[in-house]
Amino acid sequence: MFVTYVLYSATFDKIYIGYTSDLISRFHSHNSLAKSGYTIRFRPWKVIYVEFFDLKSTAMKREKELKSSKGRTFLRSLL
């Protein structure tokens, strides 16, 4: 199973969109384990949206849709 997820940093008003097969480990990595990358600069993160998929390709497609202008408008409406 794959998950497309959206993280939000209220401190910096930033959104991060990704996909994974292990949301718990990935979330832990974004918030404390990672030593480099985009997400370390805007900690702490909270999960604001998730969708589950059977196929990796479908999760990747949904990630791309959420990164579009229409997708980001939808995500901002959740906040």
PDB file of N, CA and C in Angstrom:
ATOM      1  N   MET A   1       0.831  -1.174   0.000  1.00  0.00           N
ATOM      2  CA  MET A   1       0.000   0.000   0.000  1.00  0.00           C
ATOM      3  C   MET A   1       0.883   1.246   0.000  1.00  0.00           C
ATOM      4  N   PHE A   2       0.438   2.253  -0.721  1.00  0.00           N
ATOM      5  CA  PHE A   2       1.168   3.507  -0.832  1.00  0.00           C
ATOM      6  C   PHE A   2       0.302   4.660  -0.348  1.00  0.00           C
ATOM      7  N   VAL A   3       0.953   5.676   0.161  1.00  0.00           N
ATOM      8  CA  VAL A   3       0.260   6.828   0.719  1.00  0.00           C
ATOM      9  C   VAL A   3       0.788   8.106   0.074  1.00  0.00           C
ATOM     10  N   THR A   4      -0.116   8.931  -0.400  1.00  0.00           N
ATOM     11  CA  THR A   4       0.235  10.292  -0.788  1.00  0.00           C
ATOM     12  C   THR A   4      -0.134  11.148   0.412  1.00  0.00           C
ATOM     13  N   TYR A   5       0.825  11.955   0.867  1.00  0.00           N
ATOM     14  CA  TYR A   5       0.613  12.695   2.103  1.00  0.00           C
ATOM     15  C   TYR A   5       0.978  14.169   1.918  1.00  0.00           C
ATOM     16  N   VAL A   6       0.400  14.980   2.796  1.00  0.00           N
ATOM     17  CA  VAL A   6       0.674  16.418   2.784  1.00  0.00           C
ATOM     18  C   VAL A   6       1.060  16.820   4.196  1.00  0.00           C
ATOM     19  N   LEU A   7       2.206  17.482   4.298  1.00  0.00           N
ATOM     20  CA  LEU A   7       2.681  18.002   5.577  1.00  0.00           C
ATOM     21  C   LEU A   7       2.517  19.515   5.580  1.00  0.00           C
ATOM     22  N   TYR A   8       2.316  20.058   6.768  1.00  0.00           N
ATOM     23  CA  TYR A   8       2.193  21.508   6.902  1.00  0.00           C
ATOM     24  C   TYR A   8       3.046  21.983   8.071  1.00  0.00           C
ATOM     25  N   SER A   9       3.814  23.043   7.836  1.00  0.00           N
ATOM     26  CA  SER A   9       4.584  23.694   8.882  1.00  0.00           C
ATOM     27  C   SER A   9       3.896  25.009   9.206  1.00  0.00           C
ATOM     28  N   ALA A  10       3.203  25.053  10.335  1.00  0.00           N
ATOM     29  CA  ALA A  10       2.496  26.275  10.740  1.00  0.00           C
ATOM     30  C   ALA A  10       3.476  27.396  11.061  1.00  0.00           C
ATOM     31  N   THR A  11       4.642  27.053  11.589  1.00  0.00           N
ATOM     32  CA  THR A  11       5.654  28.048  11.940  1.00  0.00           C
ATOM     33  C   THR A  11       6.086  28.853  10.731  1.00  0.00           C
ATOM     34  N   PHE A  12       6.221  28.189   9.581  1.00  0.00           N
ATOM     35  CA  PHE A  12       6.705  28.834   8.368  1.00  0.00           C
ATOM     36  C   PHE A  12       5.651  28.951   7.272  1.00  0.00           C
ATOM     37  N   ASP A  13       4.437  28.447   7.525  1.00  0.00           N
ATOM     38  CA  ASP A  13       3.344  28.438   6.550  1.00  0.00           C
ATOM     39  C   ASP A  13       3.774  27.764   5.237  1.00  0.00           C
ATOM     40  N   LYS A  14       4.372  26.587   5.365  1.00  0.00           N
ATOM     41  CA  LYS A  14       4.862  25.824   4.208  1.00  0.00           C
ATOM     42  C   LYS A  14       4.110  24.511   4.098  1.00  0.00           C
ATOM     43  N   ILE A  15       3.940  24.055   2.856  1.00  0.00           N
ATOM     44  CA  ILE A  15       3.312  22.771   2.555  1.00  0.00           C
ATOM     45  C   ILE A  15       4.331  21.884   1.847  1.00  0.00           C
ATOM     46  N   TYR A  16       4.340  20.601   2.208  1.00  0.00           N
ATOM     47  CA  TYR A  16       5.183  19.614   1.544  1.00  0.00           C
ATOM     48  C   TYR A  16       4.308  18.451   1.121  1.00  0.00           C
ATOM     49  N   ILE A  17       4.461  18.002  -0.117  1.00  0.00           N
ATOM     50  CA  ILE A  17       3.649  16.918  -0.659  1.00  0.00           C
ATOM     51  C   ILE A  17       4.581  15.784  -1.087  1.00  0.00           C
ATOM     52  N   GLY A  18       4.240  14.557  -0.698  1.00  0.00           N
ATOM     53  CA  GLY A  18       5.060  13.420  -1.066  1.00  0.00           C
ATOM     54  C   GLY A  18       4.256  12.132  -1.081  1.00  0.00           C
ATOM     55  N   TYR A  19       4.947  11.019  -1.367  1.00  0.00           N
ATOM     56  CA  TYR A  19       4.320   9.700  -1.310  1.00  0.00           C
ATOM     57  C   TYR A  19       5.314   8.732  -0.700  1.00  0.00           C
ATOM     58  N   THR A  20       4.804   7.665  -0.119  1.00  0.00           N
ATOM     59  CA  THR A  20       5.645   6.680   0.530  1.00  0.00           C
ATOM     60  C   THR A  20       4.883   5.377   0.715  1.00  0.00           C
ATOM     61  N   SER A  21       5.598   4.345   1.086  1.00  0.00           N
ATOM     62  CA  SER A  21       4.951   3.087   1.445  1.00  0.00           C
ATOM     63  C   SER A  21       4.930   2.912   2.972  1.00  0.00           C
ATOM     64  N   ASP A  22       5.584   3.816   3.702  1.00  0.00           N
ATOM     65  CA  ASP A  22       5.638   3.744   5.167  1.00  0.00           C
ATOM     66  C   ASP A  22       5.527   5.156   5.743  1.00  0.00           C
ATOM     67  N   LEU A  23       4.309   5.598   5.953  1.00  0.00           N
ATOM     68  CA  LEU A  23       4.061   6.980   6.382  1.00  0.00           C
ATOM     69  C   LEU A  23       4.677   7.294   7.746  1.00  0.00           C
ATOM     70  N   ILE A  24       4.602   6.398   8.682  1.00  0.00           N
ATOM     71  CA  ILE A  24       5.129   6.650  10.023  1.00  0.00           C
ATOM     72  C   ILE A  24       6.632   6.913   9.983  1.00  0.00           C
ATOM     73  N   SER A  25       7.371   6.051   9.309  1.00  0.00           N
ATOM     74  CA  SER A  25       8.822   6.234   9.199  1.00  0.00           C
ATOM     75  C   SER A  25       9.173   7.499   8.433  1.00  0.00           C
ATOM     76  N   ARG A  26       8.441   7.758   7.376  1.00  0.00           N
ATOM     77  CA  ARG A  26       8.705   8.942   6.552  1.00  0.00           C
ATOM     78  C   ARG A  26       8.443  10.221   7.350  1.00  0.00           C
ATOM     79  N   PHE A  27       7.346  10.251   8.088  1.00  0.00           N
ATOM     80  CA  PHE A  27       7.026  11.405   8.915  1.00  0.00           C
ATOM     81  C   PHE A  27       8.106  11.626   9.970  1.00  0.00           C
ATOM     82  N   HIS A  28       8.541  10.564  10.601  1.00  0.00           N
ATOM     83  CA  HIS A  28       9.609  10.643  11.599  1.00  0.00           C
ATOM     84  C   HIS A  28      10.890  11.191  10.965  1.00  0.00           C
ATOM     85  N   SER A  29      11.179  10.764   9.765  1.00  0.00           N
ATOM     86  CA  SER A  29      12.356  11.256   9.048  1.00  0.00           C
ATOM     87  C   SER A  29      12.256  12.763   8.781  1.00  0.00           C
ATOM     88  N   HIS A  30      11.099  13.208   8.311  1.00  0.00           N
ATOM     89  CA  HIS A  30      10.914  14.635   8.032  1.00  0.00           C
ATOM     90  C   HIS A  30      11.081  15.479   9.295  1.00  0.00           C
ATOM     91  N   ASN A  31      10.607  14.972  10.422  1.00  0.00           N
ATOM     92  CA  ASN A  31      10.610  15.770  11.643  1.00  0.00           C
ATOM     93  C   ASN A  31      11.853  15.644  12.512  1.00  0.00           C
ATOM     94  N   SER A  32      12.620  14.562  12.357  1.00  0.00           N
ATOM     95  CA  SER A  32      13.762  14.452  13.259  1.00  0.00           C
ATOM     96  C   SER A  32      14.989  13.731  12.719  1.00  0.00           C
ATOM     97  N   LEU A  33      14.838  12.775  11.834  1.00  0.00           N
ATOM     98  CA  LEU A  33      15.993  11.984  11.401  1.00  0.00           C
ATOM     99  C   LEU A  33      16.819  12.609  10.288  1.00  0.00           C
ATOM    100  N   ALA A  34      16.162  13.219   9.330  1.00  0.00           N
ATOM    101  CA  ALA A  34      16.869  13.726   8.150  1.00  0.00           C
ATOM    102  C   ALA A  34      17.896  14.786   8.538  1.00  0.00           C
ATOM    103  N   LYS A  35      19.034  14.748   7.879  1.00  0.00           N
ATOM    104  CA  LYS A  35      20.111  15.707   8.138  1.00  0.00           C
ATOM    105  C   LYS A  35      20.252  16.740   7.028  1.00  0.00           C
ATOM    106  N   SER A  36      19.592  16.488   5.900  1.00  0.00           N
ATOM    107  CA  SER A  36      19.645  17.448   4.792  1.00  0.00           C
ATOM    108  C   SER A  36      18.341  17.373   4.015  1.00  0.00           C
ATOM    109  N   GLY A  37      18.129  18.366   3.176  1.00  0.00           N
ATOM    110  CA  GLY A  37      16.925  18.386   2.355  1.00  0.00           C
ATOM    111  C   GLY A  37      16.007  19.538   2.715  1.00  0.00           C
ATOM    112  N   TYR A  38      14.972  19.680   1.931  1.00  0.00           N
ATOM    113  CA  TYR A  38      14.022  20.790   2.064  1.00  0.00           C
ATOM    114  C   TYR A  38      13.314  20.804   3.411  1.00  0.00           C
ATOM    115  N   THR A  39      12.867  19.651   3.875  1.00  0.00           N
ATOM    116  CA  THR A  39      11.992  19.630   5.045  1.00  0.00           C
ATOM    117  C   THR A  39      12.691  19.952   6.361  1.00  0.00           C
ATOM    118  N   ILE A  40      13.998  19.810   6.437  1.00  0.00           N
ATOM    119  CA  ILE A  40      14.662  20.077   7.717  1.00  0.00           C
ATOM    120  C   ILE A  40      14.623  21.563   8.080  1.00  0.00           C
ATOM    121  N   ARG A  41      14.492  22.427   7.090  1.00  0.00           N
ATOM    122  CA  ARG A  41      14.503  23.876   7.353  1.00  0.00           C
ATOM    123  C   ARG A  41      13.199  24.396   7.931  1.00  0.00           C
ATOM    124  N   PHE A  42      12.127  23.620   7.814  1.00  0.00           N
ATOM    125  CA  PHE A  42      10.813  24.127   8.198  1.00  0.00           C
ATOM    126  C   PHE A  42      10.129  23.293   9.279  1.00  0.00           C
ATOM    127  N   ARG A  43      10.895  22.603  10.064  1.00  0.00           N
ATOM    128  CA  ARG A  43      10.344  21.796  11.149  1.00  0.00           C
ATOM    129  C   ARG A  43       9.717  22.689  12.206  1.00  0.00           C
ATOM    130  N   PRO A  44       8.725  22.235  12.944  1.00  0.00           N
ATOM    131  CA  PRO A  44       8.082  20.922  12.911  1.00  0.00           C
ATOM    132  C   PRO A  44       6.976  20.846  11.861  1.00  0.00           C
ATOM    133  N   TRP A  45       6.713  19.633  11.405  1.00  0.00           N
ATOM    134  CA  TRP A  45       5.663  19.353  10.425  1.00  0.00           C
ATOM    135  C   TRP A  45       4.518  18.612  11.087  1.00  0.00           C
ATOM    136  N   LYS A  46       3.327  18.770  10.535  1.00  0.00           N
ATOM    137  CA  LYS A  46       2.206  17.923  10.934  1.00  0.00           C
ATOM    138  C   LYS A  46       1.527  17.422   9.664  1.00  0.00           C
ATOM    139  N   VAL A  47       0.979  16.234   9.740  1.00  0.00           N
ATOM    140  CA  VAL A  47       0.272  15.639   8.608  1.00  0.00           C
ATOM    141  C   VAL A  47      -1.121  16.261   8.552  1.00  0.00           C
ATOM    142  N   ILE A  48      -1.474  16.841   7.393  1.00  0.00           N
ATOM    143  CA  ILE A  48      -2.798  17.457   7.274  1.00  0.00           C
ATOM    144  C   ILE A  48      -3.707  16.727   6.294  1.00  0.00           C
ATOM    145  N   TYR A  49      -3.141  15.815   5.481  1.00  0.00           N
ATOM    146  CA  TYR A  49      -3.962  15.125   4.484  1.00  0.00           C
ATOM    147  C   TYR A  49      -3.261  13.857   4.029  1.00  0.00           C
ATOM    148  N   VAL A  50      -4.005  12.772   3.876  1.00  0.00           N
ATOM    149  CA  VAL A  50      -3.462  11.518   3.349  1.00  0.00           C
ATOM    150  C   VAL A  50      -4.486  10.855   2.432  1.00  0.00           C
ATOM    151  N   GLU A  51      -3.983  10.128   1.446  1.00  0.00           N
ATOM    152  CA  GLU A  51      -4.793   9.285   0.571  1.00  0.00           C
ATOM    153  C   GLU A  51      -4.026   7.976   0.380  1.00  0.00           C
ATOM    154  N   PHE A  52      -4.741   6.873   0.389  1.00  0.00           N
ATOM    155  CA  PHE A  52      -4.124   5.544   0.270  1.00  0.00           C
ATOM    156  C   PHE A  52      -4.381   4.950  -1.108  1.00  0.00           C
ATOM    157  N   PHE A  53      -3.349   4.253  -1.643  1.00  0.00           N
ATOM    158  CA  PHE A  53      -3.427   3.660  -2.976  1.00  0.00           C
ATOM    159  C   PHE A  53      -2.786   2.279  -2.966  1.00  0.00           C
ATOM    160  N   ASP A  54      -3.276   1.411  -3.839  1.00  0.00           N
ATOM    161  CA  ASP A  54      -2.687   0.078  -3.983  1.00  0.00           C
ATOM    162  C   ASP A  54      -1.435   0.106  -4.847  1.00  0.00           C
ATOM    163  N   LEU A  55      -1.379   1.017  -5.793  1.00  0.00           N
ATOM    164  CA  LEU A  55      -0.261   1.080  -6.740  1.00  0.00           C
ATOM    165  C   LEU A  55       0.606   2.315  -6.533  1.00  0.00           C
ATOM    166  N   LYS A  56       1.906   2.125  -6.648  1.00  0.00           N
ATOM    167  CA  LYS A  56       2.841   3.232  -6.534  1.00  0.00           C
ATOM    168  C   LYS A  56       2.577   4.276  -7.608  1.00  0.00           C
ATOM    169  N   SER A  57       2.297   3.837  -8.815  1.00  0.00           N
ATOM    170  CA  SER A  57       2.075   4.766  -9.925  1.00  0.00           C
ATOM    171  C   SER A  57       0.871   5.674  -9.673  1.00  0.00           C
ATOM    172  N   THR A  58      -0.160   5.145  -9.040  1.00  0.00           N
ATOM    173  CA  THR A  58      -1.342   5.948  -8.727  1.00  0.00           C
ATOM    174  C   THR A  58      -1.025   6.978  -7.645  1.00  0.00           C
ATOM    175  N   ALA A  59      -0.249   6.581  -6.654  1.00  0.00           N
ATOM    176  CA  ALA A  59       0.163   7.517  -5.596  1.00  0.00           C
ATOM    177  C   ALA A  59       1.019   8.631  -6.178  1.00  0.00           C
ATOM    178  N   MET A  60       1.910   8.284  -7.092  1.00  0.00           N
ATOM    179  CA  MET A  60       2.767   9.285  -7.735  1.00  0.00           C
ATOM    180  C   MET A  60       1.936  10.256  -8.572  1.00  0.00           C
ATOM    181  N   LYS A  61       0.942   9.741  -9.266  1.00  0.00           N
ATOM    182  CA  LYS A  61       0.065  10.582 -10.082  1.00  0.00           C
ATOM    183  C   LYS A  61      -0.705  11.565  -9.203  1.00  0.00           C
ATOM    184  N   ARG A  62      -1.209  11.073  -8.071  1.00  0.00           N
ATOM    185  CA  ARG A  62      -1.949  11.946  -7.163  1.00  0.00           C
ATOM    186  C   ARG A  62      -1.038  13.005  -6.547  1.00  0.00           C
ATOM    187  N   GLU A  63       0.200  12.633  -6.238  1.00  0.00           N
ATOM    188  CA  GLU A  63       1.175  13.602  -5.729  1.00  0.00           C
ATOM    189  C   GLU A  63       1.359  14.735  -6.742  1.00  0.00           C
ATOM    190  N   LYS A  64       1.500  14.379  -7.998  1.00  0.00           N
ATOM    191  CA  LYS A  64       1.668  15.378  -9.048  1.00  0.00           C
ATOM    192  C   LYS A  64       0.446  16.283  -9.157  1.00  0.00           C
ATOM    193  N   GLU A  65      -0.756  15.705  -9.040  1.00  0.00           N
ATOM    194  CA  GLU A  65      -1.992  16.499  -9.092  1.00  0.00           C
ATOM    195  C   GLU A  65      -2.051  17.496  -7.936  1.00  0.00           C
ATOM    196  N   LEU A  66      -1.664  17.046  -6.735  1.00  0.00           N
ATOM    197  CA  LEU A  66      -1.705  17.933  -5.575  1.00  0.00           C
ATOM    198  C   LEU A  66      -0.670  19.052  -5.665  1.00  0.00           C
ATOM    199  N   LYS A  67       0.397  18.816  -6.419  1.00  0.00           N
ATOM    200  CA  LYS A  67       1.420  19.852  -6.591  1.00  0.00           C
ATOM    201  C   LYS A  67       1.037  20.893  -7.644  1.00  0.00           C
ATOM    202  N   SER A  68      -0.040  20.647  -8.363  1.00  0.00           N
ATOM    203  CA  SER A  68      -0.507  21.608  -9.367  1.00  0.00           C
ATOM    204  C   SER A  68      -1.174  22.794  -8.675  1.00  0.00           C
ATOM    205  N   SER A  69      -1.460  23.814  -9.428  1.00  0.00           N
ATOM    206  CA  SER A  69      -2.117  25.003  -8.888  1.00  0.00           C
ATOM    207  C   SER A  69      -3.472  24.654  -8.272  1.00  0.00           C
ATOM    208  N   LYS A  70      -4.238  23.840  -8.970  1.00  0.00           N
ATOM    209  CA  LYS A  70      -5.558  23.428  -8.470  1.00  0.00           C
ATOM    210  C   LYS A  70      -5.414  22.606  -7.189  1.00  0.00           C
ATOM    211  N   GLY A  71      -4.426  21.735  -7.159  1.00  0.00           N
ATOM    212  CA  GLY A  71      -4.191  20.909  -5.980  1.00  0.00           C
ATOM    213  C   GLY A  71      -3.774  21.737  -4.777  1.00  0.00           C
ATOM    214  N   ARG A  72      -2.906  22.707  -4.989  1.00  0.00           N
ATOM    215  CA  ARG A  72      -2.460  23.561  -3.889  1.00  0.00           C
ATOM    216  C   ARG A  72      -3.591  24.443  -3.370  1.00  0.00           C
ATOM    217  N   THR A  73      -4.472  24.871  -4.272  1.00  0.00           N
ATOM    218  CA  THR A  73      -5.650  25.635  -3.848  1.00  0.00           C
ATOM    219  C   THR A  73      -6.526  24.768  -2.945  1.00  0.00           C
ATOM    220  N   PHE A  74      -6.725  23.517  -3.333  1.00  0.00           N
ATOM    221  CA  PHE A  74      -7.485  22.567  -2.519  1.00  0.00           C
ATOM    222  C   PHE A  74      -6.840  22.402  -1.145  1.00  0.00           C
ATOM    223  N   LEU A  75      -5.516  22.220  -1.109  1.00  0.00           N
ATOM    224  CA  LEU A  75      -4.822  22.005   0.156  1.00  0.00           C
ATOM    225  C   LEU A  75      -4.903  23.244   1.051  1.00  0.00           C
ATOM    226  N   ARG A  76      -4.774  24.414   0.480  1.00  0.00           N
ATOM    227  CA  ARG A  76      -4.881  25.650   1.264  1.00  0.00           C
ATOM    228  C   ARG A  76      -6.280  25.798   1.848  1.00  0.00           C
ATOM    229  N   SER A  77      -7.283  25.281   1.141  1.00  0.00           N
ATOM    230  CA  SER A  77      -8.659  25.365   1.647  1.00  0.00           C
ATOM    231  C   SER A  77      -8.826  24.502   2.904  1.00  0.00           C
ATOM    232  N   LEU A  78      -7.980  23.493   3.074  1.00  0.00           N
ATOM    233  CA  LEU A  78      -8.044  22.641   4.253  1.00  0.00           C
ATOM    234  C   LEU A  78      -7.519  23.346   5.503  1.00  0.00           C
ATOM    235  N   LEU A  79      -6.670  24.326   5.261  1.00  0.00           N
ATOM    236  CA  LEU A  79      -6.069  25.035   6.394  1.00  0.00           C
ATOM    237  C   LEU A  79      -7.038  26.074   6.860  1.00  0.00           C
TER     238      LEU A  79
END
